[in-house]
């Protein structure tokens, strides 16, 4: 059976646009760290976003529901308020490129430099963990997803969105680095 778990929280946020954060299943293609192929083996399992209307999370419950989630992501990306923000825009852009077959523009990058670790930024800016069961460890979240867990990964995605909102409000953003898109 194809199912997607959906969560919504009425958490008003005072910023322009939408922060997007995804959780995936897959491995990095290390020989292509400087272009989109680095992300070609990742599939979105959780799609979360926060904006002035609240916080929403969609989670594919099984392998069969991933295609349904991709379709919902495609529809939502057309409707969500711009500009789009992400902590690591290359990740979201690369995963979307290979899974949605389109280039999604992110206008605002929340990390100061490429490969900055969120787990280092959060304590530096005195941002709470917001109940993150994995303490900013995306690999632990992916491992839980691979074991069929969804509650802790959803809690992780929720906390990432709240942390990224706080990062945006406390220190701002930068223009994303360009991503070289290559079909392969």
C-alpha atoms as a PDB file:
ATOM      1  CA  UNK A   1       0.000   0.000   0.000  1.00  0.00           C
ATOM      2  CA  UNK A   2       1.267   3.452  -0.877  1.00  0.00           C
ATOM      3  CA  UNK A   3       1.150   5.838   2.069  1.00  0.00           C
ATOM      4  CA  UNK A   4       2.568   9.202   2.988  1.00  0.00           C
ATOM      5  CA  UNK A   5       2.514  10.443   6.562  1.00  0.00           C
ATOM      6  CA  UNK A   6       1.763  14.166   6.731  1.00  0.00           C
ATOM      7  CA  UNK A   7       2.365  16.433   9.713  1.00  0.00           C
ATOM      8  CA  UNK A   8       1.493  20.100  10.107  1.00  0.00           C
ATOM      9  CA  UNK A   9       2.200  22.482  12.980  1.00  0.00           C
ATOM     10  CA  UNK A  10       0.901  25.992  13.239  1.00  0.00           C
ATOM     11  CA  UNK A  11       4.270  27.566  13.979  1.00  0.00           C
ATOM     12  CA  UNK A  12       4.208  31.120  12.650  1.00  0.00           C
ATOM     13  CA  UNK A  13       7.567  32.323  11.374  1.00  0.00           C
ATOM     14  CA  UNK A  14       8.580  35.860  10.546  1.00  0.00           C
ATOM     15  CA  UNK A  15      10.660  35.587   7.386  1.00  0.00           C
ATOM     16  CA  UNK A  16      10.076  35.861   3.658  1.00  0.00           C
ATOM     17  CA  UNK A  17       9.807  32.673   1.601  1.00  0.00           C
ATOM     18  CA  UNK A  18      10.137  28.993   2.475  1.00  0.00           C
ATOM     19  CA  UNK A  19      12.870  26.947   4.140  1.00  0.00           C
ATOM     20  CA  UNK A  20      13.090  23.439   2.662  1.00  0.00           C
ATOM     21  CA  UNK A  21      14.818  20.448   4.234  1.00  0.00           C
ATOM     22  CA  UNK A  22      14.810  16.861   2.963  1.00  0.00           C
ATOM     23  CA  UNK A  23      15.883  13.497   4.319  1.00  0.00           C
ATOM     24  CA  UNK A  24      16.995  10.874   1.825  1.00  0.00           C
ATOM     25  CA  UNK A  25      17.975   7.284   1.257  1.00  0.00           C
ATOM     26  CA  UNK A  26      21.098   6.775  -0.823  1.00  0.00           C
ATOM     27  CA  UNK A  27      24.832   7.146  -1.103  1.00  0.00           C
ATOM     28  CA  UNK A  28      27.008   9.967  -2.328  1.00  0.00           C
ATOM     29  CA  UNK A  29      28.887   9.489  -5.604  1.00  0.00           C
ATOM     30  CA  UNK A  30      32.265  10.693  -4.301  1.00  0.00           C
ATOM     31  CA  UNK A  31      34.012  10.962  -7.662  1.00  0.00           C
ATOM     32  CA  UNK A  32      31.630  13.823  -8.584  1.00  0.00           C
ATOM     33  CA  UNK A  33      31.774  16.096  -5.521  1.00  0.00           C
ATOM     34  CA  UNK A  34      31.727  19.265  -7.620  1.00  0.00           C
ATOM     35  CA  UNK A  35      28.554  18.670  -9.637  1.00  0.00           C
ATOM     36  CA  UNK A  36      25.008  17.337  -9.429  1.00  0.00           C
ATOM     37  CA  UNK A  37      26.085  13.707  -9.964  1.00  0.00           C
ATOM     38  CA  UNK A  38      27.276  13.663  -6.347  1.00  0.00           C
ATOM     39  CA  UNK A  39      23.583  13.323  -5.352  1.00  0.00           C
ATOM     40  CA  UNK A  40      22.264  11.058  -8.130  1.00  0.00           C
ATOM     41  CA  UNK A  41      21.792   7.986  -5.906  1.00  0.00           C
ATOM     42  CA  UNK A  42      19.680   9.783  -3.279  1.00  0.00           C
ATOM     43  CA  UNK A  43      15.898   9.380  -3.120  1.00  0.00           C
ATOM     44  CA  UNK A  44      13.769  11.781  -1.065  1.00  0.00           C
ATOM     45  CA  UNK A  45      12.012  10.049   1.832  1.00  0.00           C
ATOM     46  CA  UNK A  46      11.024  13.139   3.842  1.00  0.00           C
ATOM     47  CA  UNK A  47      10.157  16.571   2.471  1.00  0.00           C
ATOM     48  CA  UNK A  48       9.768  19.299   5.079  1.00  0.00           C
ATOM     49  CA  UNK A  49       9.216  23.006   4.831  1.00  0.00           C
ATOM     50  CA  UNK A  50       8.514  25.971   7.070  1.00  0.00           C
ATOM     51  CA  UNK A  51       7.142  29.385   6.144  1.00  0.00           C
ATOM     52  CA  UNK A  52       4.879  32.065   7.568  1.00  0.00           C
ATOM     53  CA  UNK A  53       1.934  29.625   7.448  1.00  0.00           C
ATOM     54  CA  UNK A  54       3.549  26.908   9.571  1.00  0.00           C
ATOM     55  CA  UNK A  55       5.681  23.788   9.417  1.00  0.00           C
ATOM     56  CA  UNK A  56       4.796  20.816   7.194  1.00  0.00           C
ATOM     57  CA  UNK A  57       6.433  17.414   6.790  1.00  0.00           C
ATOM     58  CA  UNK A  58       5.621  14.659   4.304  1.00  0.00           C
ATOM     59  CA  UNK A  59       7.200  11.231   4.776  1.00  0.00           C
ATOM     60  CA  UNK A  60       7.093   8.243   2.423  1.00  0.00           C
ATOM     61  CA  UNK A  61       6.243   5.246   4.608  1.00  0.00           C
ATOM     62  CA  UNK A  62       7.696   2.630   2.264  1.00  0.00           C
ATOM     63  CA  UNK A  63       9.524   2.158  -1.030  1.00  0.00           C
ATOM     64  CA  UNK A  64       6.296   2.185  -3.041  1.00  0.00           C
ATOM     65  CA  UNK A  65       5.232   5.576  -1.665  1.00  0.00           C
ATOM     66  CA  UNK A  66       8.432   7.355  -2.752  1.00  0.00           C
ATOM     67  CA  UNK A  67       7.011   8.001  -6.242  1.00  0.00           C
ATOM     68  CA  UNK A  68       3.868   9.443  -4.668  1.00  0.00           C
ATOM     69  CA  UNK A  69       6.038  11.693  -2.490  1.00  0.00           C
ATOM     70  CA  UNK A  70       7.986  12.883  -5.561  1.00  0.00           C
ATOM     71  CA  UNK A  71       4.703  13.850  -7.223  1.00  0.00           C
ATOM     72  CA  UNK A  72       3.597  15.784  -4.136  1.00  0.00           C
ATOM     73  CA  UNK A  73       6.980  17.540  -3.921  1.00  0.00           C
ATOM     74  CA  UNK A  74       6.638  18.585  -7.559  1.00  0.00           C
ATOM     75  CA  UNK A  75       3.190  20.058  -6.897  1.00  0.00           C
ATOM     76  CA  UNK A  76       4.246  21.808  -3.691  1.00  0.00           C
ATOM     77  CA  UNK A  77       7.357  23.384  -5.207  1.00  0.00           C
ATOM     78  CA  UNK A  78       5.112  25.135  -7.721  1.00  0.00           C
ATOM     79  CA  UNK A  79       2.942  26.602  -4.929  1.00  0.00           C
ATOM     80  CA  UNK A  80       5.346  27.432  -2.082  1.00  0.00           C
ATOM     81  CA  UNK A  81       6.279  31.044  -1.431  1.00  0.00           C
ATOM     82  CA  UNK A  82       9.644  32.175  -2.724  1.00  0.00           C
ATOM     83  CA  UNK A  83      12.481  32.719  -2.082  1.00  0.00           C
ATOM     84  CA  UNK A  84      13.553  29.161  -1.248  1.00  0.00           C
ATOM     85  CA  UNK A  85      16.134  28.705   1.511  1.00  0.00           C
ATOM     86  CA  UNK A  86      18.156  25.615   2.503  1.00  0.00           C
ATOM     87  CA  UNK A  87      21.096  24.960   4.771  1.00  0.00           C
ATOM     88  CA  UNK A  88      22.919  23.155   1.965  1.00  0.00           C
ATOM     89  CA  UNK A  89      21.258  24.139  -1.304  1.00  0.00           C
ATOM     90  CA  UNK A  90      23.410  21.768  -3.371  1.00  0.00           C
ATOM     91  CA  UNK A  91      21.885  18.781  -1.579  1.00  0.00           C
ATOM     92  CA  UNK A  92      18.267  19.756  -2.201  1.00  0.00           C
ATOM     93  CA  UNK A  93      18.991  20.960  -5.751  1.00  0.00           C
ATOM     94  CA  UNK A  94      20.930  17.801  -6.642  1.00  0.00           C
ATOM     95  CA  UNK A  95      18.368  15.405  -5.182  1.00  0.00           C
ATOM     96  CA  UNK A  96      15.496  17.256  -6.877  1.00  0.00           C
ATOM     97  CA  UNK A  97      17.366  17.335 -10.199  1.00  0.00           C
ATOM     98  CA  UNK A  98      17.699  13.545 -10.312  1.00  0.00           C
ATOM     99  CA  UNK A  99      14.317  12.714  -8.797  1.00  0.00           C
ATOM    100  CA  UNK A 100      12.033  15.394 -10.226  1.00  0.00           C
ATOM    101  CA  UNK A 101      13.898  15.880 -13.510  1.00  0.00           C
ATOM    102  CA  UNK A 102      14.097  19.642 -13.103  1.00  0.00           C
ATOM    103  CA  UNK A 103      16.339  22.360 -11.760  1.00  0.00           C
ATOM    104  CA  UNK A 104      14.811  23.998  -8.692  1.00  0.00           C
ATOM    105  CA  UNK A 105      16.210  27.442  -7.897  1.00  0.00           C
ATOM    106  CA  UNK A 106      17.160  28.164  -4.286  1.00  0.00           C
ATOM    107  CA  UNK A 107      17.816  31.843  -3.750  1.00  0.00           C
ATOM    108  CA  UNK A 108      19.204  31.750  -0.199  1.00  0.00           C
ATOM    109  CA  UNK A 109      21.864  29.537   1.381  1.00  0.00           C
ATOM    110  CA  UNK A 110      21.874  29.259   5.183  1.00  0.00           C
ATOM    111  CA  UNK A 111      25.386  27.911   5.651  1.00  0.00           C
ATOM    112  CA  UNK A 112      28.236  30.418   5.634  1.00  0.00           C
ATOM    113  CA  UNK A 113      30.433  28.203   3.469  1.00  0.00           C
ATOM    114  CA  UNK A 114      30.021  24.951   1.588  1.00  0.00           C
ATOM    115  CA  UNK A 115      30.169  21.904   3.883  1.00  0.00           C
ATOM    116  CA  UNK A 116      29.650  23.916   7.063  1.00  0.00           C
ATOM    117  CA  UNK A 117      28.233  21.501   9.672  1.00  0.00           C
ATOM    118  CA  UNK A 118      24.889  22.409  11.195  1.00  0.00           C
ATOM    119  CA  UNK A 119      25.924  20.586  14.391  1.00  0.00           C
ATOM    120  CA  UNK A 120      28.675  23.225  14.806  1.00  0.00           C
ATOM    121  CA  UNK A 121      26.453  26.224  14.011  1.00  0.00           C
ATOM    122  CA  UNK A 122      23.609  25.288  16.386  1.00  0.00           C
ATOM    123  CA  UNK A 123      25.594  25.570  19.661  1.00  0.00           C
ATOM    124  CA  UNK A 124      27.576  28.553  18.375  1.00  0.00           C
ATOM    125  CA  UNK A 125      24.344  30.501  17.831  1.00  0.00           C
ATOM    126  CA  UNK A 126      22.796  29.075  21.033  1.00  0.00           C
ATOM    127  CA  UNK A 127      19.974  27.385  19.134  1.00  0.00           C
ATOM    128  CA  UNK A 128      18.111  24.586  20.938  1.00  0.00           C
ATOM    129  CA  UNK A 129      18.019  21.020  19.596  1.00  0.00           C
ATOM    130  CA  UNK A 130      14.204  21.078  19.316  1.00  0.00           C
ATOM    131  CA  UNK A 131      14.010  17.414  20.290  1.00  0.00           C
ATOM    132  CA  UNK A 132      16.334  16.187  17.528  1.00  0.00           C
ATOM    133  CA  UNK A 133      16.826  12.459  18.241  1.00  0.00           C
ATOM    134  CA  UNK A 134      19.953  12.419  16.038  1.00  0.00           C
ATOM    135  CA  UNK A 135      21.586  15.725  17.114  1.00  0.00           C
ATOM    136  CA  UNK A 136      22.193  16.913  13.525  1.00  0.00           C
ATOM    137  CA  UNK A 137      23.533  13.522  12.380  1.00  0.00           C
ATOM    138  CA  UNK A 138      21.929  13.017   8.958  1.00  0.00           C
ATOM    139  CA  UNK A 139      23.553   9.598   8.542  1.00  0.00           C
ATOM    140  CA  UNK A 140      21.890   8.317  11.720  1.00  0.00           C
ATOM    141  CA  UNK A 141      18.582   9.608  10.372  1.00  0.00           C
ATOM    142  CA  UNK A 142      19.161   7.805   7.056  1.00  0.00           C
ATOM    143  CA  UNK A 143      20.024   4.587   8.916  1.00  0.00           C
ATOM    144  CA  UNK A 144      16.753   4.833  10.866  1.00  0.00           C
ATOM    145  CA  UNK A 145      14.812   5.389   7.631  1.00  0.00           C
ATOM    146  CA  UNK A 146      16.447   2.308   6.103  1.00  0.00           C
ATOM    147  CA  UNK A 147      15.241   0.285   9.102  1.00  0.00           C
ATOM    148  CA  UNK A 148      11.685   1.418   8.408  1.00  0.00           C
ATOM    149  CA  UNK A 149      11.451   3.996  11.194  1.00  0.00           C
ATOM    150  CA  UNK A 150       9.539   7.173  10.464  1.00  0.00           C
ATOM    151  CA  UNK A 151       8.784   8.847  13.811  1.00  0.00           C
ATOM    152  CA  UNK A 152      12.365   9.707  14.800  1.00  0.00           C
ATOM    153  CA  UNK A 153      13.304  10.808  11.244  1.00  0.00           C
ATOM    154  CA  UNK A 154      10.205  13.042  11.147  1.00  0.00           C
ATOM    155  CA  UNK A 155      11.232  14.503  14.531  1.00  0.00           C
ATOM    156  CA  UNK A 156      14.722  15.072  13.104  1.00  0.00           C
ATOM    157  CA  UNK A 157      13.345  16.852  10.033  1.00  0.00           C
ATOM    158  CA  UNK A 158      11.119  19.018  12.239  1.00  0.00           C
ATOM    159  CA  UNK A 159      14.091  20.025  14.380  1.00  0.00           C
ATOM    160  CA  UNK A 160      16.197  20.763  11.282  1.00  0.00           C
ATOM    161  CA  UNK A 161      13.527  23.120   9.966  1.00  0.00           C
ATOM    162  CA  UNK A 162      13.292  24.957  13.302  1.00  0.00           C
ATOM    163  CA  UNK A 163      17.078  25.195  13.611  1.00  0.00           C
ATOM    164  CA  UNK A 164      17.368  26.477  10.054  1.00  0.00           C
ATOM    165  CA  UNK A 165      14.683  29.071  10.742  1.00  0.00           C
ATOM    166  CA  UNK A 166      16.667  30.227  13.775  1.00  0.00           C
ATOM    167  CA  UNK A 167      19.908  30.300  11.762  1.00  0.00           C
ATOM    168  CA  UNK A 168      18.199  32.481   9.147  1.00  0.00           C
ATOM    169  CA  UNK A 169      16.783  34.850  11.762  1.00  0.00           C
ATOM    170  CA  UNK A 170      20.001  35.061  13.823  1.00  0.00           C
ATOM    171  CA  UNK A 171      22.662  35.329  11.132  1.00  0.00           C
ATOM    172  CA  UNK A 172      21.009  35.667   7.741  1.00  0.00           C
ATOM    173  CA  UNK A 173      21.898  34.006   4.467  1.00  0.00           C
ATOM    174  CA  UNK A 174      24.203  34.133   1.491  1.00  0.00           C
ATOM    175  CA  UNK A 175      23.784  33.584  -2.230  1.00  0.00           C
ATOM    176  CA  UNK A 176      24.144  29.870  -3.055  1.00  0.00           C
ATOM    177  CA  UNK A 177      27.216  28.633  -4.884  1.00  0.00           C
ATOM    178  CA  UNK A 178      26.478  27.595  -8.473  1.00  0.00           C
ATOM    179  CA  UNK A 179      25.766  23.894  -9.026  1.00  0.00           C
ATOM    180  CA  UNK A 180      26.952  22.288 -12.256  1.00  0.00           C
ATOM    181  CA  UNK A 181      24.017  20.148 -13.438  1.00  0.00           C
ATOM    182  CA  UNK A 182      25.054  17.061 -15.384  1.00  0.00           C
ATOM    183  CA  UNK A 183      22.697  14.307 -16.559  1.00  0.00           C
ATOM    184  CA  UNK A 184      24.265  10.919 -15.968  1.00  0.00           C
END
